[in-house]
Each structure stands twice: as structure tokens, then as C-alpha cells.
Amino acid sequence: VSGDIGIAKPDPRIFRAACERLDLPPGEVVHVGDRL
């Protein structure tokens, strides 16, 4: 959540933070959302 880590979408760092928590490289992760 952006409020927890101080980084909001679309900043690439929030997506990479999710990958780190999943212990996966970005290329193995899909992200789905309503904002293009």
C-alpha cells in the first residue's frame, strides 16, 4: 500500500516492492488494474 511505503503508483518502485515481497523477479509477475 502506498501509504505504508511512501511510494504511489505509477512509480516503478511500488511494483518492484511487491515483487520483492513475493520473492520473484518482475518478469515473472503480472499486474492487473483499472488505471491504464
All heavy atoms as atom14 arrays in JSON, in Angstrom:
{
  "sequence": "VSGDIGIAKPDPRIFRAACERLDLPPGEVVHVGDRL",
  "atom14_mask": [
    [1, 1, 1, 1, 1, 1, 1, 0, 0, 0, 0, 0, 0, 0],
    [1, 1, 1, 1, 1, 1, 0, 0, 0, 0, 0, 0, 0, 0],
    [1, 1, 1, 1, 0, 0, 0, 0, 0, 0, 0, 0, 0, 0],
    [1, 1, 1, 1, 1, 1, 1, 1, 0, 0, 0, 0, 0, 0],
    [1, 1, 1, 1, 1, 1, 1, 1, 0, 0, 0, 0, 0, 0],
    [1, 1, 1, 1, 0, 0, 0, 0, 0, 0, 0, 0, 0, 0],
    [1, 1, 1, 1, 1, 1, 1, 1, 0, 0, 0, 0, 0, 0],
    [1, 1, 1, 1, 1, 0, 0, 0, 0, 0, 0, 0, 0, 0],
    [1, 1, 1, 1, 1, 1, 1, 1, 1, 0, 0, 0, 0, 0],
    [1, 1, 1, 1, 1, 1, 1, 0, 0, 0, 0, 0, 0, 0],
    [1, 1, 1, 1, 1, 1, 1, 1, 0, 0, 0, 0, 0, 0],
    [1, 1, 1, 1, 1, 1, 1, 0, 0, 0, 0, 0, 0, 0],
    [1, 1, 1, 1, 1, 1, 1, 1, 1, 1, 1, 0, 0, 0],
    [1, 1, 1, 1, 1, 1, 1, 1, 0, 0, 0, 0, 0, 0],
    [1, 1, 1, 1, 1, 1, 1, 1, 1, 1, 1, 0, 0, 0],
    [1, 1, 1, 1, 1, 1, 1, 1, 1, 1, 1, 0, 0, 0],
    [1, 1, 1, 1, 1, 0, 0, 0, 0, 0, 0, 0, 0, 0],
    [1, 1, 1, 1, 1, 0, 0, 0, 0, 0, 0, 0, 0, 0],
    [1, 1, 1, 1, 1, 1, 0, 0, 0, 0, 0, 0, 0, 0],
    [1, 1, 1, 1, 1, 1, 1, 1, 1, 0, 0, 0, 0, 0],
    [1, 1, 1, 1, 1, 1, 1, 1, 1, 1, 1, 0, 0, 0],
    [1, 1, 1, 1, 1, 1, 1, 1, 0, 0, 0, 0, 0, 0],
    [1, 1, 1, 1, 1, 1, 1, 1, 0, 0, 0, 0, 0, 0],
    [1, 1, 1, 1, 1, 1, 1, 1, 0, 0, 0, 0, 0, 0],
    [1, 1, 1, 1, 1, 1, 1, 0, 0, 0, 0, 0, 0, 0],
    [1, 1, 1, 1, 1, 1, 1, 0, 0, 0, 0, 0, 0, 0],
    [1, 1, 1, 1, 0, 0, 0, 0, 0, 0, 0, 0, 0, 0],
    [1, 1, 1, 1, 1, 1, 1, 1, 1, 0, 0, 0, 0, 0],
    [1, 1, 1, 1, 1, 1, 1, 0, 0, 0, 0, 0, 0, 0],
    [1, 1, 1, 1, 1, 1, 1, 0, 0, 0, 0, 0, 0, 0],
    [1, 1, 1, 1, 1, 1, 1, 1, 1, 1, 0, 0, 0, 0],
    [1, 1, 1, 1, 1, 1, 1, 0, 0, 0, 0, 0, 0, 0],
    [1, 1, 1, 1, 0, 0, 0, 0, 0, 0, 0, 0, 0, 0],
    [1, 1, 1, 1, 1, 1, 1, 1, 0, 0, 0, 0, 0, 0],
    [1, 1, 1, 1, 1, 1, 1, 1, 1, 1, 1, 0, 0, 0],
    [1, 1, 1, 1, 1, 1, 1, 1, 0, 0, 0, 0, 0, 0]
  ],
  "atom14_positions": [
    [[0.85, -1.19, 0.0], [0.0, 0.0, 0.0], [0.89, 1.24, 0.0], [1.85, 1.33, 0.77], [-0.93, 0.01, 1.23], [-1.94, 1.14, 1.12], [-1.64, -1.33, 1.4], [0.0, 0.0, 0.0], [0.0, 0.0, 0.0], [0.0, 0.0, 0.0], [0.0, 0.0, 0.0], [0.0, 0.0, 0.0], [0.0, 0.0, 0.0], [0.0, 0.0, 0.0]],
    [[0.55, 2.19, -0.84], [1.38, 3.39, -0.98], [1.54, 4.12, 0.35], [2.61, 4.64, 0.65], [0.77, 4.33, -2.02], [-0.48, 4.84, -1.59], [0.0, 0.0, 0.0], [0.0, 0.0, 0.0], [0.0, 0.0, 0.0], [0.0, 0.0, 0.0], [0.0, 0.0, 0.0], [0.0, 0.0, 0.0], [0.0, 0.0, 0.0], [0.0, 0.0, 0.0]],
    [[0.48, 4.16, 1.16], [0.55, 4.87, 2.42], [1.53, 4.26, 3.4], [2.02, 4.95, 4.31], [0.0, 0.0, 0.0], [0.0, 0.0, 0.0], [0.0, 0.0, 0.0], [0.0, 0.0, 0.0], [0.0, 0.0, 0.0], [0.0, 0.0, 0.0], [0.0, 0.0, 0.0], [0.0, 0.0, 0.0], [0.0, 0.0, 0.0], [0.0, 0.0, 0.0]],
    [[1.83, 2.98, 3.24], [2.78, 2.31, 4.13], [4.22, 2.55, 3.72], [5.1, 2.65, 4.57], [2.53, 0.79, 4.14], [1.23, 0.41, 4.82], [0.73, 1.2, 5.65], [0.72, -0.69, 4.53], [0.0, 0.0, 0.0], [0.0, 0.0, 0.0], [0.0, 0.0, 0.0], [0.0, 0.0, 0.0], [0.0, 0.0, 0.0], [0.0, 0.0, 0.0]],
    [[4.47, 2.63, 2.41], [5.86, 2.68, 1.95], [6.25, 4.03, 1.38], [7.4, 4.25, 1.02], [6.15, 1.58, 0.91], [5.34, 1.77, -0.37], [5.84, 0.2, 1.51], [5.69, 0.78, -1.46], [0.0, 0.0, 0.0], [0.0, 0.0, 0.0], [0.0, 0.0, 0.0], [0.0, 0.0, 0.0], [0.0, 0.0, 0.0], [0.0, 0.0, 0.0]],
    [[5.29, 4.95, 1.3], [5.61, 6.29, 0.83], [5.87, 6.4, -0.66], [6.49, 7.36, -1.12], [0.0, 0.0, 0.0], [0.0, 0.0, 0.0], [0.0, 0.0, 0.0], [0.0, 0.0, 0.0], [0.0, 0.0, 0.0], [0.0, 0.0, 0.0], [0.0, 0.0, 0.0], [0.0, 0.0, 0.0], [0.0, 0.0, 0.0], [0.0, 0.0, 0.0]],
    [[5.41, 5.44, -1.44], [5.58, 5.43, -2.89], [4.25, 5.03, -3.5], [3.65, 4.03, -3.09], [6.66, 4.43, -3.33], [8.0, 4.73, -2.64], [6.83, 4.45, -4.84], [9.0, 3.61, -2.78], [0.0, 0.0, 0.0], [0.0, 0.0, 0.0], [0.0, 0.0, 0.0], [0.0, 0.0, 0.0], [0.0, 0.0, 0.0], [0.0, 0.0, 0.0]],
    [[3.79, 5.79, -4.48], [2.48, 5.53, -5.08], [2.62, 5.14, -6.55], [3.55, 5.55, -7.23], [1.59, 6.77, -4.96], [0.0, 0.0, 0.0], [0.0, 0.0, 0.0], [0.0, 0.0, 0.0], [0.0, 0.0, 0.0], [0.0, 0.0, 0.0], [0.0, 0.0, 0.0], [0.0, 0.0, 0.0], [0.0, 0.0, 0.0], [0.0, 0.0, 0.0]],
    [[1.69, 4.32, -7.01], [1.6, 4.04, -8.44], [1.38, 5.35, -9.19], [0.65, 6.23, -8.68], [0.42, 3.08, -8.73], [0.57, 1.71, -8.1], [-0.62, 0.82, -8.42], [-1.89, 1.27, -7.77], [-3.03, 0.35, -8.02], [0.0, 0.0, 0.0], [0.0, 0.0, 0.0], [0.0, 0.0, 0.0], [0.0, 0.0, 0.0], [0.0, 0.0, 0.0]],
    [[2.01, 5.56, -10.32], [2.71, 4.59, -11.18], [4.21, 4.48, -10.96], [4.9, 3.95, -11.84], [2.42, 5.14, -12.57], [2.42, 6.63, -12.38], [1.78, 6.84, -11.03], [0.0, 0.0, 0.0], [0.0, 0.0, 0.0], [0.0, 0.0, 0.0], [0.0, 0.0, 0.0], [0.0, 0.0, 0.0], [0.0, 0.0, 0.0], [0.0, 0.0, 0.0]],
    [[4.73, 4.97, -9.84], [6.17, 4.87, -9.58], [6.6, 3.4, -9.67], [6.03, 2.54, -9.0], [6.47, 5.41, -8.18], [7.95, 5.62, -7.93], [8.74, 4.67, -8.2], [8.34, 6.69, -7.45], [0.0, 0.0, 0.0], [0.0, 0.0, 0.0], [0.0, 0.0, 0.0], [0.0, 0.0, 0.0], [0.0, 0.0, 0.0], [0.0, 0.0, 0.0]],
    [[7.59, 3.09, -10.48], [8.01, 1.69, -10.63], [8.41, 1.03, -9.32], [8.31, -0.19, -9.18], [9.21, 1.77, -11.58], [9.02, 3.05, -12.33], [8.36, 3.99, -11.36], [0.0, 0.0, 0.0], [0.0, 0.0, 0.0], [0.0, 0.0, 0.0], [0.0, 0.0, 0.0], [0.0, 0.0, 0.0], [0.0, 0.0, 0.0], [0.0, 0.0, 0.0]],
    [[8.81, 1.82, -8.34], [9.32, 1.24, -7.09], [8.24, 0.51, -6.31], [8.54, -0.46, -5.6], [9.97, 2.31, -6.23], [11.26, 2.88, -6.82], [11.78, 4.03, -5.98], [10.86, 5.17, -6.02], [11.01, 6.25, -5.25], [12.01, 6.34, -4.39], [10.14, 7.26, -5.36], [0.0, 0.0, 0.0], [0.0, 0.0, 0.0], [0.0, 0.0, 0.0]],
    [[6.98, 0.93, -6.43], [5.95, 0.23, -5.67], [5.69, -1.15, -6.27], [5.46, -2.12, -5.54], [4.64, 1.06, -5.59], [3.69, 0.45, -4.56], [3.98, 1.2, -6.95], [2.48, 1.32, -4.24], [0.0, 0.0, 0.0], [0.0, 0.0, 0.0], [0.0, 0.0, 0.0], [0.0, 0.0, 0.0], [0.0, 0.0, 0.0], [0.0, 0.0, 0.0]],
    [[5.79, -1.26, -7.58], [5.62, -2.57, -8.22], [6.81, -3.49, -7.9], [6.63, -4.69, -7.66], [5.47, -2.4, -9.73], [4.27, -1.61, -10.13], [4.4, -0.31, -10.59], [3.0, -2.15, -10.06], [3.29, 0.44, -10.97], [1.87, -1.42, -10.44], [2.03, -0.12, -10.89], [0.0, 0.0, 0.0], [0.0, 0.0, 0.0], [0.0, 0.0, 0.0]],
    [[7.99, -2.9, -7.88], [9.17, -3.71, -7.55], [9.15, -4.12, -6.09], [9.62, -5.22, -5.75], [10.44, -2.92, -7.89], [10.62, -2.75, -9.39], [11.74, -1.81, -9.74], [11.79, -1.57, -11.19], [12.27, -0.47, -11.74], [12.77, 0.5, -10.97], [12.27, -0.32, -13.05], [0.0, 0.0, 0.0], [0.0, 0.0, 0.0], [0.0, 0.0, 0.0]],
    [[8.58, -3.28, -5.23], [8.44, -3.66, -3.82], [7.52, -4.88, -3.7], [7.77, -5.77, -2.88], [7.88, -2.5, -3.01], [0.0, 0.0, 0.0], [0.0, 0.0, 0.0], [0.0, 0.0, 0.0], [0.0, 0.0, 0.0], [0.0, 0.0, 0.0], [0.0, 0.0, 0.0], [0.0, 0.0, 0.0], [0.0, 0.0, 0.0], [0.0, 0.0, 0.0]],
    [[6.47, -4.91, -4.5], [5.58, -6.08, -4.49], [6.33, -7.32, -4.93], [6.17, -8.4, -4.34], [4.38, -5.82, -5.38], [0.0, 0.0, 0.0], [0.0, 0.0, 0.0], [0.0, 0.0, 0.0], [0.0, 0.0, 0.0], [0.0, 0.0, 0.0], [0.0, 0.0, 0.0], [0.0, 0.0, 0.0], [0.0, 0.0, 0.0], [0.0, 0.0, 0.0]],
    [[7.15, -7.2, -5.97], [7.91, -8.35, -6.45], [8.88, -8.85, -5.39], [9.06, -10.06, -5.2], [8.67, -7.98, -7.73], [7.6, -7.63, -9.14], [0.0, 0.0, 0.0], [0.0, 0.0, 0.0], [0.0, 0.0, 0.0], [0.0, 0.0, 0.0], [0.0, 0.0, 0.0], [0.0, 0.0, 0.0], [0.0, 0.0, 0.0], [0.0, 0.0, 0.0]],
    [[9.5, -7.92, -4.67], [10.42, -8.3, -3.6], [9.7, -9.07, -2.51], [10.2, -10.07, -1.99], [11.1, -7.06, -3.03], [12.1, -6.42, -3.98], [12.64, -5.1, -3.45], [12.3, -4.74, -2.3], [13.4, -4.44, -4.19], [0.0, 0.0, 0.0], [0.0, 0.0, 0.0], [0.0, 0.0, 0.0], [0.0, 0.0, 0.0], [0.0, 0.0, 0.0]],
    [[8.5, -8.62, -2.16], [7.74, -9.32, -1.12], [7.28, -10.7, -1.59], [7.11, -11.61, -0.77], [6.56, -8.47, -0.67], [6.98, -7.18, 0.01], [5.83, -6.49, 0.69], [6.23, -5.17, 1.18], [5.44, -4.35, 1.84], [4.17, -4.72, 2.1], [5.86, -3.18, 2.25], [0.0, 0.0, 0.0], [0.0, 0.0, 0.0], [0.0, 0.0, 0.0]],
    [[7.08, -10.83, -2.88], [6.71, -12.13, -3.44], [7.93, -12.99, -3.71], [7.79, -14.17, -4.06], [5.93, -11.92, -4.75], [4.55, -11.27, -4.61], [4.03, -10.85, -5.98], [3.56, -12.21, -3.93], [0.0, 0.0, 0.0], [0.0, 0.0, 0.0], [0.0, 0.0, 0.0], [0.0, 0.0, 0.0], [0.0, 0.0, 0.0], [0.0, 0.0, 0.0]],
    [[9.12, -12.4, -3.57], [10.39, -13.08, -3.82], [10.46, -13.58, -5.26], [10.86, -14.72, -5.53], [10.59, -14.24, -2.84], [12.04, -14.75, -2.81], [12.94, -13.95, -3.11], [12.26, -15.92, -2.47], [0.0, 0.0, 0.0], [0.0, 0.0, 0.0], [0.0, 0.0, 0.0], [0.0, 0.0, 0.0], [0.0, 0.0, 0.0], [0.0, 0.0, 0.0]],
    [[10.06, -12.71, -6.19], [10.06, -13.04, -7.61], [10.6, -11.87, -8.42], [10.42, -10.71, -8.04], [8.63, -13.34, -8.08], [7.97, -14.61, -7.57], [6.49, -14.61, -7.93], [8.66, -15.85, -8.13], [0.0, 0.0, 0.0], [0.0, 0.0, 0.0], [0.0, 0.0, 0.0], [0.0, 0.0, 0.0], [0.0, 0.0, 0.0], [0.0, 0.0, 0.0]],
    [[11.24, -12.15, -9.54], [11.65, -11.06, -10.43], [10.44, -10.48, -11.15], [9.43, -11.17, -11.36], [12.6, -11.76, -11.41], [12.15, -13.18, -11.42], [11.65, -13.47, -10.04], [0.0, 0.0, 0.0], [0.0, 0.0, 0.0], [0.0, 0.0, 0.0], [0.0, 0.0, 0.0], [0.0, 0.0, 0.0], [0.0, 0.0, 0.0], [0.0, 0.0, 0.0]],
    [[10.49, -9.2, -11.54], [9.35, -8.58, -12.2], [8.85, -9.33, -13.43], [7.65, -9.36, -13.7], [9.87, -7.19, -12.58], [10.92, -6.9, -11.56], [11.58, -8.23, -11.28], [0.0, 0.0, 0.0], [0.0, 0.0, 0.0], [0.0, 0.0, 0.0], [0.0, 0.0, 0.0], [0.0, 0.0, 0.0], [0.0, 0.0, 0.0], [0.0, 0.0, 0.0]],
    [[9.74, -9.95, -14.19], [9.35, -10.65, -15.4], [8.48, -11.86, -15.17], [7.91, -12.41, -16.12], [0.0, 0.0, 0.0], [0.0, 0.0, 0.0], [0.0, 0.0, 0.0], [0.0, 0.0, 0.0], [0.0, 0.0, 0.0], [0.0, 0.0, 0.0], [0.0, 0.0, 0.0], [0.0, 0.0, 0.0], [0.0, 0.0, 0.0], [0.0, 0.0, 0.0]],
    [[8.35, -12.29, -13.91], [7.5, -13.43, -13.59], [6.19, -13.02, -12.93], [5.46, -13.85, -12.39], [8.26, -14.4, -12.68], [9.47, -15.04, -13.36], [10.2, -16.02, -12.48], [9.84, -16.15, -11.28], [11.15, -16.67, -12.97], [0.0, 0.0, 0.0], [0.0, 0.0, 0.0], [0.0, 0.0, 0.0], [0.0, 0.0, 0.0], [0.0, 0.0, 0.0]],
    [[5.9, -11.72, -12.98], [4.73, -11.19, -12.28], [3.86, -10.39, -13.24], [4.36, -9.58, -14.04], [5.16, -10.29, -11.1], [3.94, -9.75, -10.35], [6.07, -11.06, -10.15], [0.0, 0.0, 0.0], [0.0, 0.0, 0.0], [0.0, 0.0, 0.0], [0.0, 0.0, 0.0], [0.0, 0.0, 0.0], [0.0, 0.0, 0.0], [0.0, 0.0, 0.0]],
    [[2.55, -10.6, -13.17], [1.55, -9.83, -13.89], [0.89, -8.86, -12.91], [0.64, -9.23, -11.76], [0.48, -10.76, -14.5], [-0.69, -9.96, -15.07], [1.08, -11.64, -15.58], [0.0, 0.0, 0.0], [0.0, 0.0, 0.0], [0.0, 0.0, 0.0], [0.0, 0.0, 0.0], [0.0, 0.0, 0.0], [0.0, 0.0, 0.0], [0.0, 0.0, 0.0]],
    [[0.62, -7.64, -13.36], [-0.17, -6.72, -12.54], [-1.4, -6.29, -13.33], [-1.3, -5.9, -14.5], [0.62, -5.47, -12.16], [-0.22, -4.46, -11.42], [-0.52, -4.59, -10.08], [-0.86, -3.35, -11.85], [-1.3, -3.57, -9.71], [-1.52, -2.81, -10.77], [0.0, 0.0, 0.0], [0.0, 0.0, 0.0], [0.0, 0.0, 0.0], [0.0, 0.0, 0.0]],
    [[-2.56, -6.35, -12.67], [-3.84, -6.02, -13.29], [-4.49, -4.87, -12.53], [-4.59, -4.93, -11.3], [-4.8, -7.24, -13.28], [-6.1, -6.9, -14.01], [-4.13, -8.46, -13.88], [0.0, 0.0, 0.0], [0.0, 0.0, 0.0], [0.0, 0.0, 0.0], [0.0, 0.0, 0.0], [0.0, 0.0, 0.0], [0.0, 0.0, 0.0], [0.0, 0.0, 0.0]],
    [[-4.93, -3.85, -13.26], [-5.61, -2.74, -12.59], [-6.45, -1.93, -13.55], [-6.3, -2.03, -14.77], [0.0, 0.0, 0.0], [0.0, 0.0, 0.0], [0.0, 0.0, 0.0], [0.0, 0.0, 0.0], [0.0, 0.0, 0.0], [0.0, 0.0, 0.0], [0.0, 0.0, 0.0], [0.0, 0.0, 0.0], [0.0, 0.0, 0.0], [0.0, 0.0, 0.0]],
    [[-7.33, -1.1, -12.99], [-8.3, -0.38, -13.81], [-7.75, 0.92, -14.39], [-8.39, 1.52, -15.25], [-9.55, -0.06, -12.98], [-9.28, 1.0, -11.92], [-8.49, 0.73, -11.0], [-9.85, 2.1, -12.01], [0.0, 0.0, 0.0], [0.0, 0.0, 0.0], [0.0, 0.0, 0.0], [0.0, 0.0, 0.0], [0.0, 0.0, 0.0], [0.0, 0.0, 0.0]],
    [[-6.58, 1.36, -13.96], [-6.0, 2.61, -14.49], [-4.93, 2.25, -15.52], [-3.93, 1.6, -15.18], [-5.38, 3.42, -13.36], [-6.37, 3.81, -12.27], [-7.0, 5.14, -12.56], [-7.93, 5.55, -11.52], [-8.18, 6.8, -11.21], [-7.55, 7.77, -11.84], [-9.07, 7.1, -10.29], [0.0, 0.0, 0.0], [0.0, 0.0, 0.0], [0.0, 0.0, 0.0]],
    [[-5.15, 2.71, -16.74], [-4.21, 2.4, -17.8], [-2.8, 2.88, -17.46], [-1.84, 2.12, -17.54], [-4.69, 3.01, -19.13], [-3.75, 2.89, -20.32], [-3.44, 1.44, -20.63], [-4.35, 3.6, -21.54], [0.0, 0.0, 0.0], [0.0, 0.0, 0.0], [0.0, 0.0, 0.0], [0.0, 0.0, 0.0], [0.0, 0.0, 0.0], [0.0, 0.0, 0.0]]
  ]
}
